[in-house]
N, C-alpha and C. Protein backbone atom coordinates (compact mmCIF):
# COMPACT_ATOMS: atom_id res chain seq x y z
N UNK A 1 -12.89 -50.65 48.12
CA UNK A 1 -12.49 -51.19 49.49
C UNK A 1 -13.54 -51.11 50.46
N UNK A 2 -14.63 -50.09 50.49
CA UNK A 2 -15.63 -50.35 51.30
C UNK A 2 -16.32 -51.46 51.70
N UNK A 3 -16.48 -52.28 50.71
CA UNK A 3 -17.01 -53.45 51.33
C UNK A 3 -16.17 -54.14 52.39
N UNK A 4 -14.84 -53.87 52.15
CA UNK A 4 -13.97 -54.72 53.15
C UNK A 4 -13.78 -53.63 54.37
N UNK A 5 -13.78 -52.39 54.36
CA UNK A 5 -13.77 -51.48 55.29
C UNK A 5 -14.97 -51.50 56.18
N UNK A 6 -16.31 -51.37 55.34
CA UNK A 6 -17.34 -50.91 55.95
C UNK A 6 -18.28 -52.31 56.52
N UNK A 7 -18.17 -53.41 55.67
CA UNK A 7 -19.34 -54.36 55.96
C UNK A 7 -18.81 -55.64 56.35
N UNK A 8 -17.53 -55.58 56.78
CA UNK A 8 -16.99 -56.92 57.40
C UNK A 8 -16.84 -56.82 58.66
N UNK A 9 -16.71 -58.00 59.53
CA UNK A 9 -16.62 -58.09 60.97
C UNK A 9 -15.11 -57.67 61.46
N UNK A 10 -15.05 -56.63 62.40
CA UNK A 10 -13.90 -56.41 62.97
C UNK A 10 -13.04 -57.47 63.50
N UNK A 11 -12.00 -57.39 63.40
CA UNK A 11 -10.67 -58.60 63.50
C UNK A 11 -10.73 -59.79 62.66
N UNK A 12 -11.63 -59.72 61.73
CA UNK A 12 -11.67 -60.60 60.53
C UNK A 12 -10.49 -61.02 59.88
N UNK A 13 -10.27 -61.80 59.56
CA UNK A 13 -8.86 -62.38 58.69
C UNK A 13 -9.25 -62.72 57.04
N UNK A 14 -8.65 -62.44 56.10
CA UNK A 14 -8.89 -62.89 54.73
C UNK A 14 -8.76 -64.50 54.88
N UNK A 15 -9.48 -65.20 53.86
CA UNK A 15 -9.75 -66.86 53.63
C UNK A 15 -8.33 -67.14 52.89
N UNK A 16 -8.03 -65.86 51.88
CA UNK A 16 -6.89 -66.31 50.96
C UNK A 16 -5.63 -66.23 51.62
N UNK A 17 -4.69 -67.04 51.19
CA UNK A 17 -3.30 -66.83 51.55
C UNK A 17 -2.69 -65.35 50.94
N UNK A 18 -1.48 -65.11 51.55
CA UNK A 18 -1.10 -63.77 51.50
C UNK A 18 -0.58 -63.90 50.01
N UNK A 19 0.03 -64.94 49.14
CA UNK A 19 0.32 -64.70 47.57
C UNK A 19 -0.84 -64.49 46.78
N UNK A 20 -2.20 -64.85 47.54
CA UNK A 20 -2.96 -64.72 46.66
C UNK A 20 -3.91 -63.55 46.81
N UNK A 21 -3.46 -62.69 47.76
CA UNK A 21 -4.21 -61.52 47.96
C UNK A 21 -3.90 -60.09 47.60
N UNK A 22 -2.77 -60.15 46.52
CA UNK A 22 -2.45 -58.90 45.88
C UNK A 22 -3.46 -58.03 45.11
N UNK A 23 -3.26 -56.82 44.90
CA UNK A 23 -4.30 -56.01 44.07
C UNK A 23 -3.47 -55.92 42.73
N UNK A 24 -4.14 -56.10 41.82
CA UNK A 24 -3.29 -56.25 40.35
C UNK A 24 -2.47 -55.04 39.83
N UNK A 25 -1.38 -55.22 39.59
CA UNK A 25 -0.37 -54.32 39.24
C UNK A 25 0.60 -54.87 38.59
N UNK A 26 0.51 -54.61 36.83
CA UNK A 26 1.38 -55.57 36.16
C UNK A 26 2.65 -55.52 36.36
N UNK A 27 3.17 -54.72 36.82
CA UNK A 27 4.86 -54.93 36.87
C UNK A 27 5.12 -55.17 38.40
N UNK A 28 4.03 -55.63 39.26
CA UNK A 28 4.19 -56.06 40.53
C UNK A 28 5.13 -55.11 41.36
N UNK A 29 4.94 -53.85 41.20
CA UNK A 29 5.63 -53.18 42.00
C UNK A 29 5.10 -52.90 43.48
N UNK A 30 3.80 -53.24 43.78
CA UNK A 30 3.23 -52.73 45.24
C UNK A 30 2.43 -54.05 45.42
N UNK A 31 2.91 -55.17 45.78
CA UNK A 31 2.31 -56.42 46.32
C UNK A 31 2.01 -55.99 47.83
N UNK A 32 0.96 -57.22 48.28
CA UNK A 32 0.86 -57.13 49.94
C UNK A 32 2.19 -57.34 50.72
N UNK A 33 3.11 -58.27 49.93
CA UNK A 33 4.30 -58.54 50.70
C UNK A 33 5.19 -57.21 50.52
N UNK A 34 5.37 -56.32 49.72
CA UNK A 34 5.84 -55.24 49.82
C UNK A 34 5.35 -54.04 50.98
N UNK A 35 4.14 -54.13 50.68
CA UNK A 35 3.18 -53.12 51.74
C UNK A 35 3.46 -53.60 53.02
N UNK A 36 3.69 -55.09 53.48
CA UNK A 36 3.69 -55.17 54.65
C UNK A 36 5.23 -55.21 55.10
N UNK A 37 6.15 -55.43 54.39
CA UNK A 37 7.80 -55.20 54.43
C UNK A 37 7.68 -53.68 54.81
N UNK A 38 7.17 -52.63 54.04
CA UNK A 38 7.30 -51.18 54.37
C UNK A 38 6.86 -50.81 55.86
N UNK A 39 5.77 -51.73 56.21
CA UNK A 39 5.11 -51.20 57.27
C UNK A 39 5.51 -52.10 58.63
N UNK A 40 6.30 -52.84 58.37
CA UNK A 40 6.88 -53.79 59.44
C UNK A 40 5.74 -54.72 60.08
N UNK A 41 4.97 -55.05 58.98
CA UNK A 41 3.61 -56.02 59.40
C UNK A 41 4.27 -57.47 59.19
N UNK A 42 3.88 -58.31 60.13
CA UNK A 42 3.94 -59.74 59.56
C UNK A 42 3.34 -60.14 58.18
N UNK A 43 4.27 -61.23 57.69
CA UNK A 43 3.65 -61.68 56.04
C UNK A 43 4.30 -63.00 55.82
N UNK A 44 3.20 -63.92 55.36
CA UNK A 44 3.93 -64.76 54.80
C UNK A 44 3.11 -65.23 53.39
N UNK A 45 3.48 -66.16 52.60
CA UNK A 45 2.79 -66.36 51.20
C UNK A 45 1.88 -67.20 51.80
N UNK A 46 2.09 -68.08 52.83
CA UNK A 46 0.98 -69.17 52.90
C UNK A 46 1.17 -69.21 54.42
N UNK A 47 0.22 -69.88 55.02
CA UNK A 47 0.10 -69.98 56.52
C UNK A 47 -0.04 -69.07 57.54
N UNK A 48 -0.38 -67.84 57.15
CA UNK A 48 -0.55 -66.72 57.95
C UNK A 48 -1.72 -66.15 57.65
N UNK A 49 -2.56 -66.13 58.07
CA UNK A 49 -3.86 -65.40 57.93
C UNK A 49 -3.40 -63.80 57.72
N UNK A 50 -4.23 -62.86 56.74
CA UNK A 50 -4.23 -61.72 56.68
C UNK A 50 -5.12 -61.11 57.37
N UNK A 51 -4.79 -60.25 58.25
CA UNK A 51 -5.93 -59.21 59.02
C UNK A 51 -6.68 -58.47 58.14
N UNK A 52 -7.97 -58.28 58.13
CA UNK A 52 -8.54 -57.33 57.46
C UNK A 52 -8.24 -55.66 57.36
N UNK A 53 -7.65 -55.56 58.58
CA UNK A 53 -7.20 -54.25 58.60
C UNK A 53 -5.82 -54.09 57.86
N UNK A 54 -5.29 -54.80 57.74
CA UNK A 54 -3.89 -54.93 56.80
C UNK A 54 -4.44 -55.10 55.42
N UNK A 55 -5.23 -55.58 55.06
CA UNK A 55 -5.62 -55.90 53.45
C UNK A 55 -6.42 -54.49 53.06
N UNK A 56 -7.19 -53.84 54.10
CA UNK A 56 -7.82 -52.79 53.83
C UNK A 56 -6.98 -51.25 53.81
N UNK A 57 -5.84 -51.46 54.85
CA UNK A 57 -4.89 -50.60 54.56
C UNK A 57 -4.03 -50.63 53.28
N UNK A 58 -3.67 -51.84 52.94
CA UNK A 58 -2.94 -51.98 51.87
C UNK A 58 -3.72 -51.56 50.44
N UNK A 59 -5.19 -52.05 50.25
CA UNK A 59 -5.99 -51.56 49.32
C UNK A 59 -5.87 -49.81 49.25
N UNK A 60 -6.17 -49.22 50.27
CA UNK A 60 -6.04 -47.64 50.33
C UNK A 60 -4.66 -47.01 49.95
N UNK A 61 -3.65 -47.55 50.03
CA UNK A 61 -2.29 -47.20 49.77
C UNK A 61 -2.09 -47.38 48.38
N UNK A 62 -2.45 -48.87 47.85
CA UNK A 62 -2.32 -49.03 46.62
C UNK A 62 -3.04 -47.98 45.77
N UNK A 63 -4.27 -47.78 46.13
CA UNK A 63 -5.05 -46.67 45.44
C UNK A 63 -4.43 -45.44 45.39
N UNK A 64 -3.67 -44.92 46.54
CA UNK A 64 -2.92 -43.69 46.52
C UNK A 64 -1.66 -43.61 45.38
N UNK A 65 -0.99 -44.85 45.25
CA UNK A 65 -0.02 -44.93 44.48
C UNK A 65 -0.17 -45.22 43.21
N UNK A 66 -1.12 -45.83 43.09
CA UNK A 66 -1.30 -46.53 41.44
C UNK A 66 -2.48 -45.61 40.61
N UNK A 67 -3.38 -45.39 41.40
CA UNK A 67 -4.47 -44.50 40.76
C UNK A 67 -4.59 -43.11 41.68
N UNK A 68 -3.71 -42.21 41.83
CA UNK A 68 -4.10 -41.10 42.80
C UNK A 68 -5.37 -40.14 42.10
N UNK A 69 -5.45 -40.35 40.90
CA UNK A 69 -6.53 -39.40 40.32
C UNK A 69 -8.05 -39.71 40.62
N UNK A 70 -7.77 -41.05 41.27
CA UNK A 70 -9.42 -41.68 41.31
C UNK A 70 -10.51 -40.95 41.90
N UNK A 71 -11.64 -40.76 41.47
CA UNK A 71 -12.59 -40.07 41.68
C UNK A 71 -13.69 -41.08 42.44
N UNK A 72 -14.32 -41.07 43.62
CA UNK A 72 -15.14 -41.94 44.23
C UNK A 72 -16.71 -41.24 43.79
N UNK A 73 -17.37 -41.83 42.86
CA UNK A 73 -18.74 -41.41 42.62
C UNK A 73 -19.76 -42.40 42.38
N UNK A 74 -20.82 -42.39 43.30
CA UNK A 74 -21.71 -43.25 42.83
C UNK A 74 -22.44 -43.18 41.72
N UNK A 75 -22.73 -44.01 40.77
CA UNK A 75 -23.11 -43.98 39.59
C UNK A 75 -24.51 -44.92 39.45
N UNK A 76 -25.50 -43.84 39.02
CA UNK A 76 -26.77 -44.38 39.16
C UNK A 76 -27.67 -44.85 37.92
N UNK A 77 -27.10 -44.54 36.82
CA UNK A 77 -27.65 -45.10 35.64
C UNK A 77 -26.36 -45.10 34.45
N UNK A 78 -26.49 -45.92 33.70
CA UNK A 78 -25.69 -46.30 32.59
C UNK A 78 -26.29 -46.74 31.44
N UNK A 79 -26.36 -45.81 30.36
CA UNK A 79 -27.20 -46.35 28.92
C UNK A 79 -26.41 -46.12 27.87
N UNK A 80 -26.54 -46.77 26.74
CA UNK A 80 -26.17 -46.67 25.45
C UNK A 80 -26.22 -45.14 24.86
N UNK A 81 -25.24 -44.65 24.25
CA UNK A 81 -25.32 -43.43 23.53
C UNK A 81 -24.51 -43.33 22.27
N UNK A 82 -24.92 -42.37 21.48
CA UNK A 82 -24.17 -42.69 19.93
C UNK A 82 -22.56 -42.40 20.11
N UNK A 83 -22.07 -41.92 21.23
CA UNK A 83 -20.84 -41.88 21.28
C UNK A 83 -19.99 -42.95 22.18
N UNK A 84 -20.93 -43.76 22.76
CA UNK A 84 -20.77 -44.97 23.37
C UNK A 84 -21.47 -45.26 24.69
N UNK A 85 -21.34 -44.24 25.78
CA UNK A 85 -22.21 -44.84 26.62
C UNK A 85 -22.41 -43.26 27.59
N UNK A 86 -23.49 -43.02 28.20
CA UNK A 86 -23.92 -42.20 28.92
C UNK A 86 -24.09 -42.51 30.60
N UNK A 87 -23.21 -42.08 31.19
CA UNK A 87 -23.44 -42.29 32.57
C UNK A 87 -23.78 -40.94 33.40
N UNK A 88 -24.80 -41.55 34.45
CA UNK A 88 -25.41 -40.30 35.29
C UNK A 88 -25.11 -40.73 36.72
N UNK A 89 -24.52 -39.65 37.51
CA UNK A 89 -23.94 -39.74 38.86
C UNK A 89 -25.04 -39.42 39.68
N UNK A 90 -25.09 -39.86 41.08
CA UNK A 90 -25.97 -39.62 42.25
C UNK A 90 -26.05 -38.19 42.11
N UNK A 91 -25.12 -37.47 41.78
CA UNK A 91 -25.43 -35.89 42.09
C UNK A 91 -25.74 -35.06 40.49
N UNK A 92 -26.18 -35.94 39.82
CA UNK A 92 -26.92 -35.50 38.50
C UNK A 92 -25.93 -34.95 37.57
N UNK A 93 -24.77 -35.32 37.60
CA UNK A 93 -23.85 -35.31 36.68
C UNK A 93 -24.06 -35.96 35.35
N UNK A 94 -23.70 -35.83 34.20
CA UNK A 94 -23.88 -36.61 32.93
C UNK A 94 -22.67 -36.63 32.35
N UNK A 95 -22.07 -37.93 32.05
CA UNK A 95 -20.70 -38.09 31.51
C UNK A 95 -20.81 -38.75 30.27
N UNK A 96 -20.24 -38.41 29.19
CA UNK A 96 -20.21 -39.41 27.99
C UNK A 96 -18.85 -40.07 28.08
N UNK A 97 -18.82 -41.14 27.57
CA UNK A 97 -17.53 -42.11 27.31
C UNK A 97 -17.68 -43.09 26.46
N UNK A 98 -16.55 -43.33 25.91
CA UNK A 98 -16.52 -44.55 24.83
C UNK A 98 -16.48 -45.96 25.61
N UNK A 99 -15.96 -46.17 26.78
CA UNK A 99 -15.72 -47.18 27.70
C UNK A 99 -16.21 -47.27 28.90
N UNK A 100 -16.90 -48.26 29.40
CA UNK A 100 -17.43 -48.41 30.96
C UNK A 100 -16.93 -49.50 31.23
N UNK A 101 -16.06 -49.74 32.73
CA UNK A 101 -15.87 -50.75 33.33
C UNK A 101 -16.71 -50.84 34.61
N UNK A 102 -17.27 -51.83 34.86
CA UNK A 102 -18.55 -51.99 35.93
C UNK A 102 -17.73 -52.98 36.85
N UNK A 103 -17.22 -52.26 38.11
CA UNK A 103 -16.76 -53.32 39.35
C UNK A 103 -17.70 -52.75 40.40
N UNK A 104 -18.62 -53.64 40.57
CA UNK A 104 -19.91 -53.16 41.64
C UNK A 104 -19.52 -53.34 43.04
N UNK A 105 -18.39 -54.29 43.19
CA UNK A 105 -18.59 -54.81 44.75
C UNK A 105 -19.66 -55.82 44.79
N UNK A 106 -19.92 -55.83 46.34
CA UNK A 106 -20.73 -56.80 46.64
C UNK A 106 -21.89 -55.87 47.68
N UNK A 107 -21.52 -54.84 48.00
CA UNK A 107 -22.52 -54.12 48.88
C UNK A 107 -23.95 -53.75 48.57
N UNK A 108 -23.81 -53.63 47.16
CA UNK A 108 -25.55 -53.38 46.53
C UNK A 108 -26.18 -54.73 46.01
N UNK A 109 -25.59 -55.83 46.76
CA UNK A 109 -26.40 -57.10 46.36
C UNK A 109 -27.24 -57.64 47.61
N UNK A 110 -27.54 -56.42 48.70
CA UNK A 110 -28.03 -57.36 49.74
C UNK A 110 -29.64 -57.12 49.54
N UNK A 111 -30.22 -56.43 48.18
CA UNK A 111 -31.65 -56.48 48.13
C UNK A 111 -31.96 -57.53 47.65
N UNK A 112 -33.15 -58.23 48.00
CA UNK A 112 -33.43 -59.35 47.42
C UNK A 112 -35.12 -59.17 46.96
N UNK A 113 -35.12 -59.39 45.68
CA UNK A 113 -36.89 -59.00 45.11
C UNK A 113 -37.91 -59.76 46.09
N UNK A 114 -38.98 -59.39 45.84
CA UNK A 114 -40.14 -60.15 46.84
C UNK A 114 -40.54 -61.64 46.23
N UNK A 115 -40.24 -61.74 44.86
CA UNK A 115 -40.31 -63.02 44.47
C UNK A 115 -39.50 -63.98 44.93
N UNK A 116 -38.24 -63.63 45.36
CA UNK A 116 -37.34 -64.67 45.63
C UNK A 116 -37.04 -64.42 47.48
N UNK A 117 -37.59 -63.68 48.14
CA UNK A 117 -37.68 -63.47 49.48
C UNK A 117 -38.10 -64.57 50.20
N UNK A 118 -39.06 -65.19 49.81
CA UNK A 118 -39.67 -66.59 50.51
C UNK A 118 -38.47 -67.46 50.38
N UNK A 119 -37.84 -67.70 49.42
CA UNK A 119 -36.94 -68.57 49.16
C UNK A 119 -35.51 -68.55 49.85
N UNK A 120 -35.28 -67.11 50.17
CA UNK A 120 -34.03 -66.88 50.78
C UNK A 120 -34.29 -67.15 52.44
N UNK A 121 -35.40 -66.96 52.79
CA UNK A 121 -35.74 -67.32 54.20
C UNK A 121 -35.60 -68.67 54.69
N UNK A 122 -35.97 -69.37 53.65
CA UNK A 122 -35.90 -70.89 53.95
C UNK A 122 -34.33 -71.76 54.08
N UNK A 123 -33.44 -70.69 53.41
CA UNK A 123 -32.16 -71.37 53.22
C UNK A 123 -31.31 -70.86 54.41
């Protein structure tokens, strides 16, 4: 949620409609509609922009309820290992795991290689 909380303009609304702004929960126990109803916030499936603040708050509450044991750690390196994968964190911790799911968000894509910088300035 850091991209939404820390890198989007204040006062912004989501482009997607309410019905298309849920976070994935296979049993649909905690949709954006559920969150807005609990908090007394306005919600419509279509035609009512979702404020950034509402979506960010929903995302944080979703995480607290659905994945309370989540550890937020910056991963700096992932490589193959005989056991599967070796992950190294920014704190220097080394973790061996059989599965890796990469969900980078968009915050780290602001780097433009020198070879492409000129083309980026033209657009």
